[in-house]
């Protein structure tokens, strides 16, 4: 039995891996923002405007972007169509949002595990880019 890494099956596998890595990156970022242990003292030290700014500029966009990213990931995993460009756009959106979160330095005091989650997010993003590159290389000309 010979296993081939070319053709439709391989392209579908690469696309599924890319979709999984985009989901893993978004999940890692969400874990760091929402579910990781937080420093209540640091959150308390922020004035009301700082907490409002964090909610408006970080947490609200995370919740708003979750639905479109989840839709693209699910469609990418189902494999009904060749969705490389929407998956690439979702990967870019996740990476840009992760960079935006990393620019909010006050969050690192309030969410001590956020830096680790950001590293995991960017690592999964790198794997997603490699998988998208593999899927594109397998695409018919």
Protein backbone atom coordinates (compact mmCIF):
# COMPACT_ATOMS: atom_id res chain seq x y z
CA UNK A 1 0.00 0.00 0.00
CA UNK A 2 1.43 3.31 -1.05
CA UNK A 3 0.59 6.54 0.77
CA UNK A 4 0.65 9.62 -1.40
CA UNK A 5 1.09 13.12 -0.07
CA UNK A 6 -0.31 14.74 -3.18
CA UNK A 7 -3.77 15.27 -4.54
CA UNK A 8 -7.13 16.12 -3.07
CA UNK A 9 -6.75 14.04 0.10
CA UNK A 10 -3.51 15.72 1.07
CA UNK A 11 -4.92 19.17 0.34
CA UNK A 12 -7.91 18.35 2.50
CA UNK A 13 -5.63 17.13 5.29
CA UNK A 14 -3.49 20.27 5.18
CA UNK A 15 -6.63 22.42 5.19
CA UNK A 16 -8.00 20.51 8.18
CA UNK A 17 -4.73 20.94 10.02
CA UNK A 18 -4.71 24.67 9.25
CA UNK A 19 -8.30 25.01 10.51
CA UNK A 20 -7.41 23.10 13.67
CA UNK A 21 -4.39 25.31 14.32
CA UNK A 22 -6.42 28.51 13.82
CA UNK A 23 -8.95 27.15 16.33
CA UNK A 24 -6.16 26.20 18.75
CA UNK A 25 -4.61 29.66 18.45
CA UNK A 26 -7.94 31.39 19.11
CA UNK A 27 -8.63 29.04 22.01
CA UNK A 28 -5.21 29.66 23.57
CA UNK A 29 -5.74 33.39 23.34
CA UNK A 30 -9.23 33.07 24.84
CA UNK A 31 -7.93 30.93 27.67
CA UNK A 32 -5.34 33.55 28.53
CA UNK A 33 -7.88 36.36 28.41
CA UNK A 34 -10.89 34.76 30.06
CA UNK A 35 -10.20 31.50 31.87
CA UNK A 36 -6.67 31.87 33.22
CA UNK A 37 -6.14 32.85 36.81
CA UNK A 38 -6.29 36.57 37.31
CA UNK A 39 -4.77 38.95 39.81
CA UNK A 40 -7.73 40.59 41.52
CA UNK A 41 -5.49 43.22 43.10
CA UNK A 42 -4.18 44.35 39.70
CA UNK A 43 -7.72 44.54 38.32
CA UNK A 44 -8.73 46.51 41.40
CA UNK A 45 -5.83 48.93 40.93
CA UNK A 46 -7.12 49.89 37.49
CA UNK A 47 -9.43 52.83 37.61
CA UNK A 48 -12.92 52.40 36.16
CA UNK A 49 -11.80 53.91 32.86
CA UNK A 50 -9.02 51.35 32.51
CA UNK A 51 -11.37 48.44 33.11
CA UNK A 52 -13.87 49.92 30.68
CA UNK A 53 -11.13 50.37 28.08
CA UNK A 54 -10.02 46.74 28.52
CA UNK A 55 -13.59 45.54 28.09
CA UNK A 56 -14.17 47.73 25.06
CA UNK A 57 -10.86 47.26 23.24
CA UNK A 58 -9.91 43.67 24.10
CA UNK A 59 -12.72 41.54 25.49
CA UNK A 60 -15.60 42.79 23.33
CA UNK A 61 -13.65 42.34 20.05
CA UNK A 62 -12.65 38.85 21.21
CA UNK A 63 -16.29 37.89 21.69
CA UNK A 64 -17.36 39.54 18.41
CA UNK A 65 -14.63 37.83 16.38
CA UNK A 66 -15.30 34.41 17.90
CA UNK A 67 -18.34 33.67 15.72
CA UNK A 68 -16.78 34.44 12.30
CA UNK A 69 -13.56 32.63 13.19
CA UNK A 70 -15.53 29.62 14.43
CA UNK A 71 -17.60 29.59 11.23
CA UNK A 72 -14.50 29.62 9.03
CA UNK A 73 -12.87 26.90 11.13
CA UNK A 74 -15.95 24.66 10.98
CA UNK A 75 -16.27 25.12 7.22
CA UNK A 76 -12.56 24.42 6.87
CA UNK A 77 -12.90 21.21 8.86
CA UNK A 78 -15.98 20.03 6.97
CA UNK A 79 -14.09 20.20 3.73
CA UNK A 80 -17.07 20.94 1.54
CA UNK A 81 -15.13 23.58 -0.40
CA UNK A 82 -11.57 24.68 -0.77
CA UNK A 83 -11.45 27.50 1.80
CA UNK A 84 -7.77 28.41 1.84
CA UNK A 85 -8.24 32.17 1.53
CA UNK A 86 -10.85 32.49 4.30
CA UNK A 87 -8.66 30.31 6.53
CA UNK A 88 -5.66 32.50 5.72
CA UNK A 89 -7.73 35.61 6.52
CA UNK A 90 -8.81 34.05 9.84
CA UNK A 91 -5.18 33.20 10.65
CA UNK A 92 -4.13 36.78 9.90
CA UNK A 93 -7.00 38.13 12.02
CA UNK A 94 -6.00 35.94 14.96
CA UNK A 95 -2.35 36.97 14.65
CA UNK A 96 -3.20 40.66 14.43
CA UNK A 97 -5.54 40.43 17.41
CA UNK A 98 -2.85 38.59 19.40
CA UNK A 99 -0.42 41.39 18.59
CA UNK A 100 -3.05 43.94 19.64
CA UNK A 101 -3.52 42.14 22.96
CA UNK A 102 0.24 42.02 23.49
CA UNK A 103 0.36 45.81 23.08
CA UNK A 104 -2.01 46.22 26.05
CA UNK A 105 0.71 45.89 28.68
CA UNK A 106 -1.60 46.55 31.64
CA UNK A 107 -3.27 43.19 30.95
CA UNK A 108 -0.12 41.27 31.83
CA UNK A 109 -0.34 42.38 35.46
CA UNK A 110 -4.02 41.53 35.69
CA UNK A 111 -3.75 38.23 33.75
CA UNK A 112 -0.35 36.74 34.67
CA UNK A 113 -0.72 33.68 32.38
CA UNK A 114 -1.59 35.80 29.34
CA UNK A 115 1.99 35.90 28.09
CA UNK A 116 2.17 32.09 28.03
CA UNK A 117 -1.15 31.94 26.21
CA UNK A 118 0.06 34.49 23.67
CA UNK A 119 3.16 32.38 23.03
CA UNK A 120 0.96 29.32 22.49
CA UNK A 121 -1.30 31.32 20.21
CA UNK A 122 1.56 32.53 18.03
CA UNK A 123 3.04 29.02 17.92
CA UNK A 124 -0.26 27.58 16.70
CA UNK A 125 -0.45 30.42 14.17
CA UNK A 126 2.97 29.48 12.82
CA UNK A 127 1.78 25.89 12.38
CA UNK A 128 -1.39 27.16 10.67
CA UNK A 129 0.71 29.15 8.20
CA UNK A 130 2.83 26.07 7.46
CA UNK A 131 -0.31 23.97 6.93
CA UNK A 132 -1.83 26.63 4.66
CA UNK A 133 1.40 26.68 2.68
CA UNK A 134 1.25 22.89 2.35
CA UNK A 135 -2.38 23.05 1.24
CA UNK A 136 -1.59 25.73 -1.32
CA UNK A 137 1.32 23.70 -2.65
CA UNK A 138 -1.06 20.77 -3.19
CA UNK A 139 -3.67 22.91 -4.95
CA UNK A 140 -4.17 22.23 -8.63
CA UNK A 141 -2.71 24.84 -10.98
